[in-house]
Amino acid sequence: MAGAAAAAAAAAAVAVATAASSTKVSASSTPLLNSPSTMSTNTISPPISISMGQLPWTADSPMQIGFVGAGRMAEAIAMGIIVSGKVEANNVMASAPSDKNLWHFQNLGCKTTHSNIEVLQNCSIVFFATKPHILPMVLAEVSPVVTRKHVLVSVAAGVSLHTLEKLLPPKSRVLRIMPNLPCRVQEGAVVMARGRHAEKCETDYLQKLLSVCGLCEEVPEAYINIHTGLSGSGVAYVCMFSEALAEGAIKLGMPSGLAHQIAAQTLLGAAKLLLQSGQHPAQLRSEVCTPGGTTIYGLHALEQGGLRAAAMNAVEAATRRAQELNKQ
């Protein structure tokens, strides 16, 4: 109910602010275990070894990046690192039980397979991007081929580093990351936490690799669930707010396509201002407000609709759900 009230308040704010301006408006299924390989026709370079204390990727020996699971988040990360030029598409390999999701990777020029084990055999950095409840079964499948050369990165929400390390061979080098969908357009927000046996050089390399997808920060593992509620789920909150803003303008007569375009651009511009200026949001907000002007009327409508409380409640609810998943 709070989310609906906030959306309604956003639409109302557009109407109130517009009226105050006195401007007239014119009109992934369970993975196949031990399944036969169905590799694409691209050839794969032999796996490379990683020396301890040495970055695994160099110009002379390009790192092979693997994805076990080929859903939206895996695609977003892969697209980010490929489009940036950090990793060539033919050095990326993805597995999934069917071709349903693999075609995204094929279109990028990546290698694909139906065998999870084959990814481990040919890649040194492997992202596990399966659904959380499927991940233990996948890790049990690939554990026999995990070696000390592997750096294993979990993208699964709610699966702790402790659980990952229990399911993998002793001293496996494990990291846990939580990205969000805008990684697809190199404007994502990613946090990462390292397990007991992951070294700083590997963390630094992964941070450098993922920074091409947007902001990437190493954090204590306890922050990952909060990041999920704030940024992972936050993309959906922002989309709902953008939709509500546009609908306020549509209600007043603006064409739908134009209203949605302007709303999205407004959010993009505001975000850039916040990041580049380093200002607290309240400071920037005060710069937009003038006494008796349109913005203060619109902000009043948002406060009446409970936007601030609804947004805070959304972050808290999503974080609690991530914590619940962590206990399952």
C-alpha atoms as a PDB file:
ATOM      1  CA  MET A   1       0.000   0.000   0.000  1.00  0.00           C
ATOM      2  CA  ALA A   2       2.889   2.353   0.809  1.00  0.00           C
ATOM      3  CA  GLY A   3       4.430   1.745  -2.633  1.00  0.00           C
ATOM      4  CA  ALA A   4       1.108   2.477  -4.341  1.00  0.00           C
ATOM      5  CA  ALA A   5       0.676   5.646  -2.300  1.00  0.00           C
ATOM      6  CA  ALA A   6       4.177   6.779  -3.229  1.00  0.00           C
ATOM      7  CA  ALA A   7       3.561   6.165  -6.931  1.00  0.00           C
ATOM      8  CA  ALA A   8       0.306   8.065  -6.719  1.00  0.00           C
ATOM      9  CA  ALA A   9       2.082  10.852  -4.874  1.00  0.00           C
ATOM     10  CA  ALA A  10       4.705  11.078  -7.605  1.00  0.00           C
ATOM     11  CA  ALA A  11       2.031  11.443 -10.267  1.00  0.00           C
ATOM     12  CA  ALA A  12       0.215  13.969  -8.114  1.00  0.00           C
ATOM     13  CA  ALA A  13       3.449  15.924  -7.632  1.00  0.00           C
ATOM     14  CA  VAL A  14       3.831  16.331 -11.383  1.00  0.00           C
ATOM     15  CA  ALA A  15       0.272  17.631 -11.608  1.00  0.00           C
ATOM     16  CA  VAL A  16       0.698  20.006  -8.659  1.00  0.00           C
ATOM     17  CA  ALA A  17       4.069  21.360  -9.831  1.00  0.00           C
ATOM     18  CA  THR A  18       2.788  21.781 -13.383  1.00  0.00           C
ATOM     19  CA  ALA A  19      -0.311  23.614 -12.198  1.00  0.00           C
ATOM     20  CA  ALA A  20       1.806  25.874  -9.998  1.00  0.00           C
ATOM     21  CA  SER A  21       3.963  26.847 -12.976  1.00  0.00           C
ATOM     22  CA  SER A  22       0.833  28.226 -14.727  1.00  0.00           C
ATOM     23  CA  THR A  23       1.964  26.574 -17.943  1.00  0.00           C
ATOM     24  CA  LYS A  24      -0.755  25.319 -20.293  1.00  0.00           C
ATOM     25  CA  VAL A  25      -0.206  21.894 -21.769  1.00  0.00           C
ATOM     26  CA  SER A  26      -1.108  20.942 -25.304  1.00  0.00           C
ATOM     27  CA  ALA A  27      -2.277  18.051 -26.374  1.00  0.00           C
ATOM     28  CA  SER A  28      16.568 -20.429 -15.440  1.00  0.00           C
ATOM     29  CA  SER A  29      15.534 -23.905 -15.161  1.00  0.00           C
ATOM     30  CA  THR A  30      17.538 -26.478 -13.213  1.00  0.00           C
ATOM     31  CA  PRO A  31      21.004 -27.007 -14.737  1.00  0.00           C
ATOM     32  CA  LEU A  32      21.745 -30.265 -16.490  1.00  0.00           C
ATOM     33  CA  LEU A  33      24.131 -32.286 -14.346  1.00  0.00           C
ATOM     34  CA  ASN A  34      26.818 -34.294 -16.117  1.00  0.00           C
ATOM     35  CA  SER A  35      25.234 -33.411 -19.442  1.00  0.00           C
ATOM     36  CA  PRO A  36      27.151 -33.948 -22.684  1.00  0.00           C
ATOM     37  CA  SER A  37      28.931 -30.918 -24.073  1.00  0.00           C
ATOM     38  CA  THR A  38      27.332 -29.088 -26.952  1.00  0.00           C
ATOM     39  CA  MET A  39      30.074 -26.576 -27.531  1.00  0.00           C
ATOM     40  CA  SER A  40      29.772 -23.878 -30.144  1.00  0.00           C
ATOM     41  CA  THR A  41      32.106 -24.093 -33.100  1.00  0.00           C
ATOM     42  CA  ASN A  42      34.547 -21.575 -31.580  1.00  0.00           C
ATOM     43  CA  THR A  43      37.772 -23.116 -30.326  1.00  0.00           C
ATOM     44  CA  ILE A  44      38.862 -22.598 -26.744  1.00  0.00           C
ATOM     45  CA  SER A  45      42.379 -21.790 -25.647  1.00  0.00           C
ATOM     46  CA  PRO A  46      43.926 -24.200 -23.093  1.00  0.00           C
ATOM     47  CA  PRO A  47      43.360 -23.210 -19.490  1.00  0.00           C
ATOM     48  CA  ILE A  48      46.038 -20.985 -18.017  1.00  0.00           C
ATOM     49  CA  SER A  49      47.594 -21.287 -14.600  1.00  0.00           C
ATOM     50  CA  ILE A  50      47.605 -18.540 -12.003  1.00  0.00           C
ATOM     51  CA  SER A  51      50.659 -17.859  -9.914  1.00  0.00           C
ATOM     52  CA  MET A  52      49.968 -16.783  -6.364  1.00  0.00           C
ATOM     53  CA  GLY A  53      50.486 -13.074  -5.841  1.00  0.00           C
ATOM     54  CA  GLN A  54      50.324 -12.376  -9.585  1.00  0.00           C
ATOM     55  CA  LEU A  55      47.468 -10.862 -11.551  1.00  0.00           C
ATOM     56  CA  PRO A  56      45.876 -13.615 -13.641  1.00  0.00           C
ATOM     57  CA  TRP A  57      45.190 -11.533 -16.751  1.00  0.00           C
ATOM     58  CA  THR A  58      47.829  -9.979 -19.006  1.00  0.00           C
ATOM     59  CA  ALA A  59      47.925  -8.875 -22.630  1.00  0.00           C
ATOM     60  CA  ASP A  60      50.102 -11.880 -23.513  1.00  0.00           C
ATOM     61  CA  SER A  61      47.991 -14.377 -21.613  1.00  0.00           C
ATOM     62  CA  PRO A  62      44.366 -13.247 -21.729  1.00  0.00           C
ATOM     63  CA  MET A  63      42.167 -14.442 -18.926  1.00  0.00           C
ATOM     64  CA  GLN A  64      39.399 -16.866 -19.822  1.00  0.00           C
ATOM     65  CA  ILE A  65      36.228 -15.697 -18.056  1.00  0.00           C
ATOM     66  CA  GLY A  66      33.463 -18.228 -17.420  1.00  0.00           C
ATOM     67  CA  PHE A  67      29.796 -17.949 -16.490  1.00  0.00           C
ATOM     68  CA  VAL A  68      27.872 -20.870 -15.001  1.00  0.00           C
ATOM     69  CA  GLY A  69      24.326 -19.694 -15.581  1.00  0.00           C
ATOM     70  CA  ALA A  70      23.426 -17.330 -18.398  1.00  0.00           C
ATOM     71  CA  GLY A  71      20.536 -15.262 -17.105  1.00  0.00           C
ATOM     72  CA  ARG A  72      20.055 -11.495 -17.090  1.00  0.00           C
ATOM     73  CA  MET A  73      22.704 -10.716 -14.495  1.00  0.00           C
ATOM     74  CA  ALA A  74      25.346 -12.898 -16.138  1.00  0.00           C
ATOM     75  CA  GLU A  75      24.533 -11.278 -19.473  1.00  0.00           C
ATOM     76  CA  ALA A  76      24.753  -7.796 -17.921  1.00  0.00           C
ATOM     77  CA  ILE A  77      28.219  -8.455 -16.475  1.00  0.00           C
ATOM     78  CA  ALA A  78      29.461 -10.097 -19.670  1.00  0.00           C
ATOM     79  CA  MET A  79      28.173  -7.269 -21.822  1.00  0.00           C
ATOM     80  CA  GLY A  80      29.818  -4.719 -19.546  1.00  0.00           C
ATOM     81  CA  ILE A  81      33.287  -6.261 -19.648  1.00  0.00           C
ATOM     82  CA  ILE A  82      33.105  -7.025 -23.373  1.00  0.00           C
ATOM     83  CA  VAL A  83      31.767  -3.651 -24.530  1.00  0.00           C
ATOM     84  CA  SER A  84      34.441  -1.917 -22.433  1.00  0.00           C
ATOM     85  CA  GLY A  85      37.168  -3.780 -24.332  1.00  0.00           C
ATOM     86  CA  LYS A  86      38.687  -5.230 -21.143  1.00  0.00           C
ATOM     87  CA  VAL A  87      37.999  -8.788 -22.282  1.00  0.00           C
ATOM     88  CA  GLU A  88      37.460 -10.051 -25.802  1.00  0.00           C
ATOM     89  CA  ALA A  89      34.268 -11.975 -26.463  1.00  0.00           C
ATOM     90  CA  ASN A  90      36.131 -15.091 -27.578  1.00  0.00           C
ATOM     91  CA  ASN A  91      37.722 -15.245 -24.119  1.00  0.00           C
ATOM     92  CA  VAL A  92      34.295 -15.523 -22.464  1.00  0.00           C
ATOM     93  CA  MET A  93      32.429 -18.804 -22.086  1.00  0.00           C
ATOM     94  CA  ALA A  94      28.965 -19.471 -20.646  1.00  0.00           C
ATOM     95  CA  SER A  95      26.989 -22.575 -19.755  1.00  0.00           C
ATOM     96  CA  ALA A  96      23.266 -23.161 -19.327  1.00  0.00           C
ATOM     97  CA  PRO A  97      21.056 -26.254 -19.514  1.00  0.00           C
ATOM     98  CA  SER A  98      19.386 -25.093 -22.738  1.00  0.00           C
ATOM     99  CA  ASP A  99      19.867 -22.538 -25.499  1.00  0.00           C
ATOM    100  CA  LYS A 100      17.120 -20.320 -24.042  1.00  0.00           C
ATOM    101  CA  ASN A 101      19.599 -17.874 -22.468  1.00  0.00           C
ATOM    102  CA  LEU A 102      22.789 -18.822 -24.294  1.00  0.00           C
ATOM    103  CA  TRP A 103      21.802 -17.000 -27.462  1.00  0.00           C
ATOM    104  CA  HIS A 104      22.530 -13.682 -25.694  1.00  0.00           C
ATOM    105  CA  PHE A 105      26.126 -14.813 -25.222  1.00  0.00           C
ATOM    106  CA  GLN A 106      26.311 -16.212 -28.732  1.00  0.00           C
ATOM    107  CA  ASN A 107      25.209 -12.860 -30.138  1.00  0.00           C
ATOM    108  CA  LEU A 108      28.051 -11.223 -28.198  1.00  0.00           C
ATOM    109  CA  GLY A 109      30.508 -13.631 -29.822  1.00  0.00           C
ATOM    110  CA  CYS A 110      31.144 -15.723 -26.701  1.00  0.00           C
ATOM    111  CA  LYS A 111      31.681 -19.463 -26.520  1.00  0.00           C
ATOM    112  CA  THR A 112      28.798 -21.476 -25.119  1.00  0.00           C
ATOM    113  CA  THR A 113      28.232 -24.970 -23.766  1.00  0.00           C
ATOM    114  CA  HIS A 114      25.640 -27.030 -21.920  1.00  0.00           C
ATOM    115  CA  SER A 115      28.330 -28.445 -19.605  1.00  0.00           C
ATOM    116  CA  ASN A 116      29.104 -26.591 -16.385  1.00  0.00           C
ATOM    117  CA  ILE A 117      32.233 -28.694 -15.900  1.00  0.00           C
ATOM    118  CA  GLU A 118      33.557 -27.600 -19.268  1.00  0.00           C
ATOM    119  CA  VAL A 119      33.470 -23.977 -18.136  1.00  0.00           C
ATOM    120  CA  LEU A 120      35.661 -24.836 -15.122  1.00  0.00           C
ATOM    121  CA  GLN A 121      38.040 -26.832 -17.309  1.00  0.00           C
ATOM    122  CA  ASN A 122      38.632 -23.891 -19.625  1.00  0.00           C
ATOM    123  CA  CYS A 123      38.275 -20.790 -17.441  1.00  0.00           C
ATOM    124  CA  SER A 124      40.182 -19.516 -14.432  1.00  0.00           C
ATOM    125  CA  ILE A 125      37.731 -16.872 -13.234  1.00  0.00           C
ATOM    126  CA  VAL A 126      34.216 -18.301 -13.042  1.00  0.00           C
ATOM    127  CA  PHE A 127      31.047 -16.400 -12.149  1.00  0.00           C
ATOM    128  CA  PHE A 128      28.278 -18.563 -10.679  1.00  0.00           C
ATOM    129  CA  ALA A 129      25.078 -16.798 -11.717  1.00  0.00           C
ATOM    130  CA  THR A 130      22.478 -19.471 -11.012  1.00  0.00           C
ATOM    131  CA  LYS A 131      19.373 -19.157  -8.872  1.00  0.00           C
ATOM    132  CA  PRO A 132      20.308 -19.424  -5.154  1.00  0.00           C
ATOM    133  CA  HIS A 133      18.442 -22.682  -4.522  1.00  0.00           C
ATOM    134  CA  ILE A 134      20.175 -24.332  -7.490  1.00  0.00           C
ATOM    135  CA  LEU A 135      23.705 -23.224  -6.610  1.00  0.00           C
ATOM    136  CA  PRO A 136      24.514 -25.992  -4.047  1.00  0.00           C
ATOM    137  CA  MET A 137      23.725 -28.666  -6.620  1.00  0.00           C
ATOM    138  CA  VAL A 138      25.855 -26.912  -9.245  1.00  0.00           C
ATOM    139  CA  LEU A 139      28.790 -26.562  -6.850  1.00  0.00           C
ATOM    140  CA  ALA A 140      28.560 -30.268  -5.982  1.00  0.00           C
ATOM    141  CA  GLU A 141      28.715 -31.048  -9.702  1.00  0.00           C
ATOM    142  CA  VAL A 142      31.790 -28.921 -10.474  1.00  0.00           C
ATOM    143  CA  SER A 143      33.736 -29.443  -7.217  1.00  0.00           C
ATOM    144  CA  PRO A 144      35.776 -32.391  -8.557  1.00  0.00           C
ATOM    145  CA  VAL A 145      37.382 -30.114 -11.183  1.00  0.00           C
ATOM    146  CA  VAL A 146      37.942 -27.054  -8.949  1.00  0.00           C
ATOM    147  CA  THR A 147      41.648 -26.367  -8.414  1.00  0.00           C
ATOM    148  CA  ARG A 148      43.791 -23.679  -6.806  1.00  0.00           C
ATOM    149  CA  LYS A 149      44.018 -21.941 -10.179  1.00  0.00           C
ATOM    150  CA  HIS A 150      40.330 -21.042 -10.008  1.00  0.00           C
ATOM    151  CA  VAL A 151      38.882 -17.816  -8.678  1.00  0.00           C
ATOM    152  CA  LEU A 152      35.204 -18.527  -8.028  1.00  0.00           C
ATOM    153  CA  VAL A 153      32.758 -15.628  -7.877  1.00  0.00           C
ATOM    154  CA  SER A 154      29.182 -16.094  -6.650  1.00  0.00           C
ATOM    155  CA  VAL A 155      26.443 -13.766  -7.872  1.00  0.00           C
ATOM    156  CA  ALA A 156      23.716 -15.698  -6.032  1.00  0.00           C
ATOM    157  CA  ALA A 157      21.718 -13.607  -3.567  1.00  0.00           C
ATOM    158  CA  GLY A 158      21.557 -14.916  -0.016  1.00  0.00           C
ATOM    159  CA  VAL A 159      24.323 -17.545  -0.262  1.00  0.00           C
ATOM    160  CA  SER A 160      27.035 -16.652   2.255  1.00  0.00           C
ATOM    161  CA  LEU A 161      30.783 -16.985   1.809  1.00  0.00           C
ATOM    162  CA  HIS A 162      30.770 -19.511   4.651  1.00  0.00           C
ATOM    163  CA  THR A 163      28.264 -21.673   2.785  1.00  0.00           C
ATOM    164  CA  LEU A 164      30.176 -21.383  -0.469  1.00  0.00           C
ATOM    165  CA  GLU A 165      33.427 -22.427   1.191  1.00  0.00           C
ATOM    166  CA  LYS A 166      31.726 -25.415   2.839  1.00  0.00           C
ATOM    167  CA  LEU A 167      30.390 -26.626  -0.528  1.00  0.00           C
ATOM    168  CA  LEU A 168      33.711 -26.293  -2.359  1.00  0.00           C
ATOM    169  CA  PRO A 169      37.091 -28.019  -1.914  1.00  0.00           C
ATOM    170  CA  PRO A 170      39.256 -26.798   1.001  1.00  0.00           C
ATOM    171  CA  LYS A 171      41.056 -23.479   0.477  1.00  0.00           C
ATOM    172  CA  SER A 172      39.051 -22.621  -2.648  1.00  0.00           C
ATOM    173  CA  ARG A 173      39.418 -18.965  -3.558  1.00  0.00           C
ATOM    174  CA  VAL A 174      35.900 -17.593  -3.327  1.00  0.00           C
ATOM    175  CA  LEU A 175      34.430 -14.124  -3.657  1.00  0.00           C
ATOM    176  CA  ARG A 176      30.878 -12.957  -3.480  1.00  0.00           C
ATOM    177  CA  ILE A 177      29.515 -10.059  -5.511  1.00  0.00           C
ATOM    178  CA  MET A 178      26.187  -8.342  -5.859  1.00  0.00           C
ATOM    179  CA  PRO A 179      25.762  -6.374  -9.100  1.00  0.00           C
ATOM    180  CA  ASN A 180      22.664  -4.748 -10.513  1.00  0.00           C
ATOM    181  CA  LEU A 181      21.099  -4.699 -13.957  1.00  0.00           C
ATOM    182  CA  PRO A 182      22.586  -1.372 -15.166  1.00  0.00           C
ATOM    183  CA  CYS A 183      25.936  -3.194 -15.477  1.00  0.00           C
ATOM    184  CA  ARG A 184      24.561  -3.924 -18.936  1.00  0.00           C
ATOM    185  CA  VAL A 185      25.093  -0.268 -19.878  1.00  0.00           C
ATOM    186  CA  GLN A 186      28.259   0.258 -17.796  1.00  0.00           C
ATOM    187  CA  GLU A 187      26.371   2.211 -15.136  1.00  0.00           C
ATOM    188  CA  GLY A 188      25.944  -0.518 -12.555  1.00  0.00           C
ATOM    189  CA  ALA A 189      26.651  -0.591  -8.830  1.00  0.00           C
ATOM    190  CA  VAL A 190      28.600  -3.636  -7.651  1.00  0.00           C
ATOM    191  CA  VAL A 191      29.804  -4.606  -4.188  1.00  0.00           C
ATOM    192  CA  MET A 192      32.144  -7.492  -3.486  1.00  0.00           C
ATOM    193  CA  ALA A 193      33.363  -9.426  -0.431  1.00  0.00           C
ATOM    194  CA  ARG A 194      36.180 -11.947  -0.356  1.00  0.00           C
ATOM    195  CA  GLY A 195      36.384 -15.327   1.309  1.00  0.00           C
ATOM    196  CA  ARG A 196      39.126 -16.481   3.671  1.00  0.00           C
ATOM    197  CA  HIS A 197      41.437 -17.783   0.951  1.00  0.00           C
ATOM    198  CA  ALA A 198      41.041 -15.121  -1.714  1.00  0.00           C
ATOM    199  CA  GLU A 199      44.089 -12.877  -1.916  1.00  0.00           C
ATOM    200  CA  LYS A 200      44.247  -9.137  -2.350  1.00  0.00           C
ATOM    201  CA  CYS A 201      45.688  -9.385  -5.883  1.00  0.00           C
ATOM    202  CA  GLU A 202      42.632 -11.369  -6.972  1.00  0.00           C
ATOM    203  CA  THR A 203      40.257  -8.943  -5.291  1.00  0.00           C
ATOM    204  CA  ASP A 204      42.057  -6.002  -6.903  1.00  0.00           C
ATOM    205  CA  TYR A 205      41.888  -7.666 -10.314  1.00  0.00           C
ATOM    206  CA  LEU A 206      38.197  -8.462  -9.983  1.00  0.00           C
ATOM    207  CA  GLN A 207      37.468  -4.918  -8.825  1.00  0.00           C
ATOM    208  CA  LYS A 208      39.365  -3.536 -11.814  1.00  0.00           C
ATOM    209  CA  LEU A 209      37.518  -5.890 -14.152  1.00  0.00           C
ATOM    210  CA  LEU A 210      34.070  -5.078 -12.773  1.00  0.00           C
ATOM    211  CA  SER A 211      34.685  -1.329 -12.502  1.00  0.00           C
ATOM    212  CA  VAL A 212      34.034  -1.153 -16.248  1.00  0.00           C
ATOM    213  CA  CYS A 213      30.443  -2.081 -15.379  1.00  0.00           C
ATOM    214  CA  GLY A 214      30.098   1.006 -13.178  1.00  0.00           C
ATOM    215  CA  LEU A 215      30.844   1.627  -9.509  1.00  0.00           C
ATOM    216  CA  CYS A 216      32.582  -1.341  -7.836  1.00  0.00           C
ATOM    217  CA  GLU A 217      33.516  -1.377  -4.146  1.00  0.00           C
ATOM    218  CA  GLU A 218      34.885  -4.029  -1.790  1.00  0.00           C
ATOM    219  CA  VAL A 219      32.766  -4.154   1.379  1.00  0.00           C
ATOM    220  CA  PRO A 220      32.233  -6.335   4.462  1.00  0.00           C
ATOM    221  CA  GLU A 221      29.957  -9.229   3.601  1.00  0.00           C
ATOM    222  CA  ALA A 222      27.302  -7.841   5.970  1.00  0.00           C
ATOM    223  CA  TYR A 223      26.728  -4.964   3.540  1.00  0.00           C
ATOM    224  CA  ILE A 224      25.807  -7.223   0.632  1.00  0.00           C
ATOM    225  CA  ASN A 225      22.224  -7.810   1.772  1.00  0.00           C
ATOM    226  CA  ILE A 226      21.798  -4.065   2.301  1.00  0.00           C
ATOM    227  CA  HIS A 227      23.152  -3.423  -1.191  1.00  0.00           C
ATOM    228  CA  THR A 228      20.604  -5.918  -2.514  1.00  0.00           C
ATOM    229  CA  GLY A 229      17.769  -3.957  -0.901  1.00  0.00           C
ATOM    230  CA  LEU A 230      19.190  -0.585  -1.936  1.00  0.00           C
ATOM    231  CA  SER A 231      20.634  -1.064  -5.407  1.00  0.00           C
ATOM    232  CA  GLY A 232      19.822  -4.537  -6.692  1.00  0.00           C
ATOM    233  CA  SER A 233      16.126  -4.078  -6.030  1.00  0.00           C
ATOM    234  CA  GLY A 234      16.455  -0.296  -6.239  1.00  0.00           C
ATOM    235  CA  VAL A 235      16.482  -0.388 -10.035  1.00  0.00           C
ATOM    236  CA  ALA A 236      12.850  -1.519  -9.867  1.00  0.00           C
ATOM    237  CA  TYR A 237      11.987   1.252  -7.395  1.00  0.00           C
ATOM    238  CA  VAL A 238      13.471   3.870  -9.708  1.00  0.00           C
ATOM    239  CA  CYS A 239      11.606   2.433 -12.694  1.00  0.00           C
ATOM    240  CA  MET A 240       8.352   2.654 -10.747  1.00  0.00           C
ATOM    241  CA  PHE A 241       9.091   6.263  -9.802  1.00  0.00           C
ATOM    242  CA  SER A 242       9.989   7.115 -13.396  1.00  0.00           C
ATOM    243  CA  GLU A 243       6.731   5.539 -14.543  1.00  0.00           C
ATOM    244  CA  ALA A 244       4.775   7.553 -11.975  1.00  0.00           C
ATOM    245  CA  LEU A 245       6.462  10.814 -12.990  1.00  0.00           C
ATOM    246  CA  ALA A 246       5.631  10.178 -16.636  1.00  0.00           C
ATOM    247  CA  GLU A 247       2.045   9.252 -15.855  1.00  0.00           C
ATOM    248  CA  GLY A 248       1.597  12.560 -14.045  1.00  0.00           C
ATOM    249  CA  ALA A 249       2.600  14.348 -17.242  1.00  0.00           C
ATOM    250  CA  ILE A 250       0.457  12.047 -19.385  1.00  0.00           C
ATOM    251  CA  LYS A 251      -2.526  12.870 -17.171  1.00  0.00           C
ATOM    252  CA  LEU A 252      -1.980  16.524 -18.026  1.00  0.00           C
ATOM    253  CA  GLY A 253      -1.865  15.886 -21.777  1.00  0.00           C
ATOM    254  CA  MET A 254       1.757  15.117 -22.692  1.00  0.00           C
ATOM    255  CA  PRO A 255       2.213  12.233 -25.179  1.00  0.00           C
ATOM    256  CA  SER A 256       3.259   8.994 -23.471  1.00  0.00           C
ATOM    257  CA  GLY A 257       6.494   8.413 -25.364  1.00  0.00           C
ATOM    258  CA  LEU A 258       7.744  11.931 -24.730  1.00  0.00           C
ATOM    259  CA  ALA A 259       6.736  11.849 -21.055  1.00  0.00           C
ATOM    260  CA  HIS A 260       8.598   8.598 -20.379  1.00  0.00           C
ATOM    261  CA  GLN A 261      11.671   9.843 -22.248  1.00  0.00           C
ATOM    262  CA  ILE A 262      11.787  13.093 -20.288  1.00  0.00           C
ATOM    263  CA  ALA A 263      11.212  11.296 -16.960  1.00  0.00           C
ATOM    264  CA  ALA A 264      14.090   8.875 -17.599  1.00  0.00           C
ATOM    265  CA  GLN A 265      16.404  11.687 -18.714  1.00  0.00           C
ATOM    266  CA  THR A 266      15.498  13.655 -15.586  1.00  0.00           C
ATOM    267  CA  LEU A 267      16.532  10.724 -13.382  1.00  0.00           C
ATOM    268  CA  LEU A 268      19.764  10.269 -15.341  1.00  0.00           C
ATOM    269  CA  GLY A 269      20.630  13.954 -15.103  1.00  0.00           C
ATOM    270  CA  ALA A 270      19.862  14.139 -11.385  1.00  0.00           C
ATOM    271  CA  ALA A 271      22.019  11.050 -10.715  1.00  0.00           C
ATOM    272  CA  LYS A 272      24.953  12.541 -12.637  1.00  0.00           C
ATOM    273  CA  LEU A 273      24.640  15.798 -10.739  1.00  0.00           C
ATOM    274  CA  LEU A 274      24.705  13.937  -7.421  1.00  0.00           C
ATOM    275  CA  LEU A 275      27.726  11.818  -8.338  1.00  0.00           C
ATOM    276  CA  GLN A 276      29.780  14.545  -9.974  1.00  0.00           C
ATOM    277  CA  SER A 277      29.056  17.286  -7.455  1.00  0.00           C
ATOM    278  CA  GLY A 278      29.465  15.109  -4.384  1.00  0.00           C
ATOM    279  CA  GLN A 279      26.635  17.047  -2.784  1.00  0.00           C
ATOM    280  CA  HIS A 280      24.205  15.564  -0.298  1.00  0.00           C
ATOM    281  CA  PRO A 281      20.838  15.042  -2.053  1.00  0.00           C
ATOM    282  CA  ALA A 282      19.220  17.572   0.285  1.00  0.00           C
ATOM    283  CA  GLN A 283      21.669  20.250  -0.884  1.00  0.00           C
ATOM    284  CA  LEU A 284      20.913  19.650  -4.529  1.00  0.00           C
ATOM    285  CA  ARG A 285      17.189  19.531  -3.802  1.00  0.00           C
ATOM    286  CA  SER A 286      17.378  22.919  -2.091  1.00  0.00           C
ATOM    287  CA  GLU A 287      19.038  24.403  -5.184  1.00  0.00           C
ATOM    288  CA  VAL A 288      16.012  23.442  -7.288  1.00  0.00           C
ATOM    289  CA  CYS A 289      13.518  24.948  -4.837  1.00  0.00           C
ATOM    290  CA  THR A 290      12.608  28.627  -4.936  1.00  0.00           C
ATOM    291  CA  PRO A 291      10.240  30.274  -2.442  1.00  0.00           C
ATOM    292  CA  GLY A 292       6.669  29.861  -3.635  1.00  0.00           C
ATOM    293  CA  GLY A 293       7.825  28.098  -6.801  1.00  0.00           C
ATOM    294  CA  THR A 294       6.678  24.950  -8.561  1.00  0.00           C
ATOM    295  CA  THR A 295       9.135  22.530  -6.949  1.00  0.00           C
ATOM    296  CA  ILE A 296       8.141  23.156  -3.343  1.00  0.00           C
ATOM    297  CA  TYR A 297       4.504  22.530  -4.265  1.00  0.00           C
ATOM    298  CA  GLY A 298       5.472  19.245  -5.879  1.00  0.00           C
ATOM    299  CA  LEU A 299       7.669  18.215  -2.938  1.00  0.00           C
ATOM    300  CA  HIS A 300       4.812  18.946  -0.561  1.00  0.00           C
ATOM    301  CA  ALA A 301       2.594  16.587  -2.550  1.00  0.00           C
ATOM    302  CA  LEU A 302       5.274  13.861  -2.369  1.00  0.00           C
ATOM    303  CA  GLU A 303       5.588  14.285   1.399  1.00  0.00           C
ATOM    304  CA  GLN A 304       1.813  14.037   1.752  1.00  0.00           C
ATOM    305  CA  GLY A 305       1.903  10.799  -0.227  1.00  0.00           C
ATOM    306  CA  GLY A 306       4.606   9.320   2.018  1.00  0.00           C
ATOM    307  CA  LEU A 307       7.260   8.914  -0.688  1.00  0.00           C
ATOM    308  CA  ARG A 308      10.208   9.161   1.706  1.00  0.00           C
ATOM    309  CA  ALA A 309       8.825   6.588   4.179  1.00  0.00           C
ATOM    310  CA  ALA A 310       7.731   4.257   1.376  1.00  0.00           C
ATOM    311  CA  ALA A 311      11.229   4.277  -0.176  1.00  0.00           C
ATOM    312  CA  MET A 312      12.907   3.607   3.183  1.00  0.00           C
ATOM    313  CA  ASN A 313      10.441   0.780   3.873  1.00  0.00           C
ATOM    314  CA  ALA A 314      11.158  -0.742   0.454  1.00  0.00           C
ATOM    315  CA  VAL A 315      14.916  -0.891   1.111  1.00  0.00           C
ATOM    316  CA  GLU A 316      14.307  -2.402   4.545  1.00  0.00           C
ATOM    317  CA  ALA A 317      11.817  -4.994   3.251  1.00  0.00           C
ATOM    318  CA  ALA A 318      14.089  -6.126   0.411  1.00  0.00           C
ATOM    319  CA  THR A 319      17.105  -6.311   2.758  1.00  0.00           C
ATOM    320  CA  ARG A 320      15.180  -8.439   5.236  1.00  0.00           C
ATOM    321  CA  ARG A 321      14.137 -10.771   2.438  1.00  0.00           C
ATOM    322  CA  ALA A 322      17.782 -11.112   1.365  1.00  0.00           C
ATOM    323  CA  GLN A 323      18.667 -11.987   4.963  1.00  0.00           C
ATOM    324  CA  GLU A 324      15.916 -14.601   5.014  1.00  0.00           C
ATOM    325  CA  LEU A 325      17.270 -16.156   1.831  1.00  0.00           C
ATOM    326  CA  ASN A 326      20.696 -16.260   3.447  1.00  0.00           C
ATOM    327  CA  LYS A 327      19.321 -18.450   6.253  1.00  0.00           C
ATOM    328  CA  GLN A 328      17.555 -20.935   3.984  1.00  0.00           C
END
